[in-house]
Amino acid sequence: MRLLHNILFKINKMRLCKGLNLKKRRIIMSGKIFYRERRKVQDGEKKPRFRIVGVSDCNLKIYAKHLRLCELEHIAEETNAELIFLRKGSKNKD
C-alpha cells in the first residue's frame, strides 16, 4: 500500500512540475487564452456561446470554431493557461 502511495505521489509530482515553481511553491501560468462571446447566440439556445480569438505563450492548436465555457475552462486547466474574456467595444468609434 505504501509503495502504491509513493508511485502515485511521484506521478502527480511529475505532472505538476511543468507549471510549478518548486522554490516559491506557486503555480506559474504558461499562457493566456483570449475568448469572446458569439454575436448571434441568444440566451437559452443550446449552441456553444464562445469563440477563441487568440492564444499567447501557449503551444496550443484549437480546431473547433465555437466552444462552451466548461470546455474553455477544461482546456485552460489542462494547459495551465489563464482565460481572459474580451470586452465588447462601444458602438461609437470615438
Protein backbone atom coordinates (compact mmCIF):
# COMPACT_ATOMS: atom_id res chain seq x y z
CA MET A 1 0.00 0.00 0.00
CA ARG A 2 2.81 2.39 0.84
CA LEU A 3 4.57 1.56 -2.43
CA LEU A 4 1.41 2.40 -4.39
CA HIS A 5 1.10 5.68 -2.49
CA ASN A 6 4.72 6.61 -3.33
CA ILE A 7 4.21 5.80 -7.02
CA LEU A 8 1.05 7.90 -7.22
CA PHE A 9 2.78 10.76 -5.42
CA LYS A 10 5.68 10.71 -7.90
CA ILE A 11 3.32 10.67 -10.89
CA ASN A 12 1.36 13.66 -9.56
CA LYS A 13 4.60 15.49 -8.79
CA MET A 14 5.85 14.95 -12.36
CA ARG A 15 2.56 16.31 -13.76
CA LEU A 16 2.78 19.46 -11.62
CA CYS A 17 6.47 20.18 -12.22
CA LYS A 18 5.81 21.79 -15.60
CA GLY A 19 3.67 24.57 -14.15
CA LEU A 20 5.06 24.66 -10.61
CA ASN A 21 7.97 26.70 -9.34
CA LEU A 22 9.21 24.44 -6.53
CA LYS A 23 11.25 27.17 -4.80
CA LYS A 24 8.38 29.62 -4.39
CA ARG A 25 5.60 26.99 -4.19
CA ARG A 26 3.24 28.80 -6.54
CA ILE A 27 1.73 27.87 -9.87
CA ILE A 28 3.05 29.69 -12.91
CA MET A 29 0.60 30.19 -15.76
CA SER A 30 2.08 29.07 -19.04
CA GLY A 31 -0.07 31.23 -21.30
CA LYS A 32 -3.26 33.15 -21.91
CA ILE A 33 -6.36 32.22 -23.88
CA PHE A 34 -8.42 35.15 -25.15
CA TYR A 35 -12.08 34.47 -25.88
CA ARG A 36 -15.27 36.37 -26.60
CA GLU A 37 -18.98 35.72 -26.69
CA ARG A 38 -20.50 34.97 -30.08
CA ARG A 39 -22.71 37.69 -31.51
CA LYS A 40 -25.59 35.68 -32.96
CA VAL A 41 -26.28 33.40 -29.99
CA GLN A 42 -29.13 34.25 -27.63
CA ASP A 43 -29.83 33.13 -24.08
CA GLY A 44 -31.45 29.70 -23.85
CA GLU A 45 -30.05 28.37 -27.12
CA LYS A 46 -28.22 25.09 -26.91
CA LYS A 47 -25.31 26.20 -29.07
CA PRO A 48 -21.73 26.85 -27.96
CA ARG A 49 -21.57 30.53 -26.96
CA PHE A 50 -17.86 31.38 -27.07
CA ARG A 51 -15.13 31.73 -29.68
CA ILE A 52 -11.38 31.72 -29.07
CA VAL A 53 -9.78 34.85 -30.51
CA GLY A 54 -6.13 34.22 -29.71
CA VAL A 55 -3.59 32.33 -27.63
CA SER A 56 -0.43 33.82 -26.11
CA ASP A 57 2.65 31.93 -24.86
CA CYS A 58 0.97 28.54 -25.10
CA ASN A 59 1.68 25.77 -27.58
CA LEU A 60 -1.94 25.01 -28.39
CA LYS A 61 -3.92 24.27 -31.55
CA ILE A 62 -7.70 24.54 -31.46
CA TYR A 63 -9.75 23.02 -34.25
CA ALA A 64 -13.27 23.95 -33.10
CA LYS A 65 -14.84 27.23 -34.17
CA HIS A 66 -17.16 27.60 -31.15
CA LEU A 67 -16.80 26.27 -27.61
CA ARG A 68 -18.80 26.10 -24.40
CA LEU A 69 -17.49 27.78 -21.25
CA CYS A 70 -16.95 24.44 -19.49
CA GLU A 71 -14.82 23.30 -22.45
CA LEU A 72 -12.76 26.51 -22.31
CA GLU A 73 -12.21 26.08 -18.58
CA HIS A 74 -11.13 22.47 -19.05
CA ILE A 75 -8.63 23.44 -21.78
CA ALA A 76 -7.24 26.22 -19.57
CA GLU A 77 -6.94 23.87 -16.60
CA GLU A 78 -5.07 21.22 -18.58
CA THR A 79 -2.66 23.70 -20.19
CA ASN A 80 -2.20 25.85 -17.06
CA ALA A 81 -3.37 28.85 -19.06
CA GLU A 82 -5.36 31.85 -17.91
CA LEU A 83 -8.72 32.60 -19.53
CA ILE A 84 -9.23 36.24 -20.48
CA PHE A 85 -12.67 37.45 -21.57
CA LEU A 86 -12.57 40.20 -24.21
CA ARG A 87 -14.99 43.04 -23.57
CA LYS A 88 -17.30 44.32 -26.28
CA GLY A 89 -16.33 47.57 -27.93
CA SER A 90 -18.60 50.56 -27.87
CA LYS A 91 -20.81 51.31 -30.86
CA ASN A 92 -19.34 54.82 -31.15
CA LYS A 93 -15.97 54.85 -32.83
CA ASP A 94 -14.57 57.87 -30.94
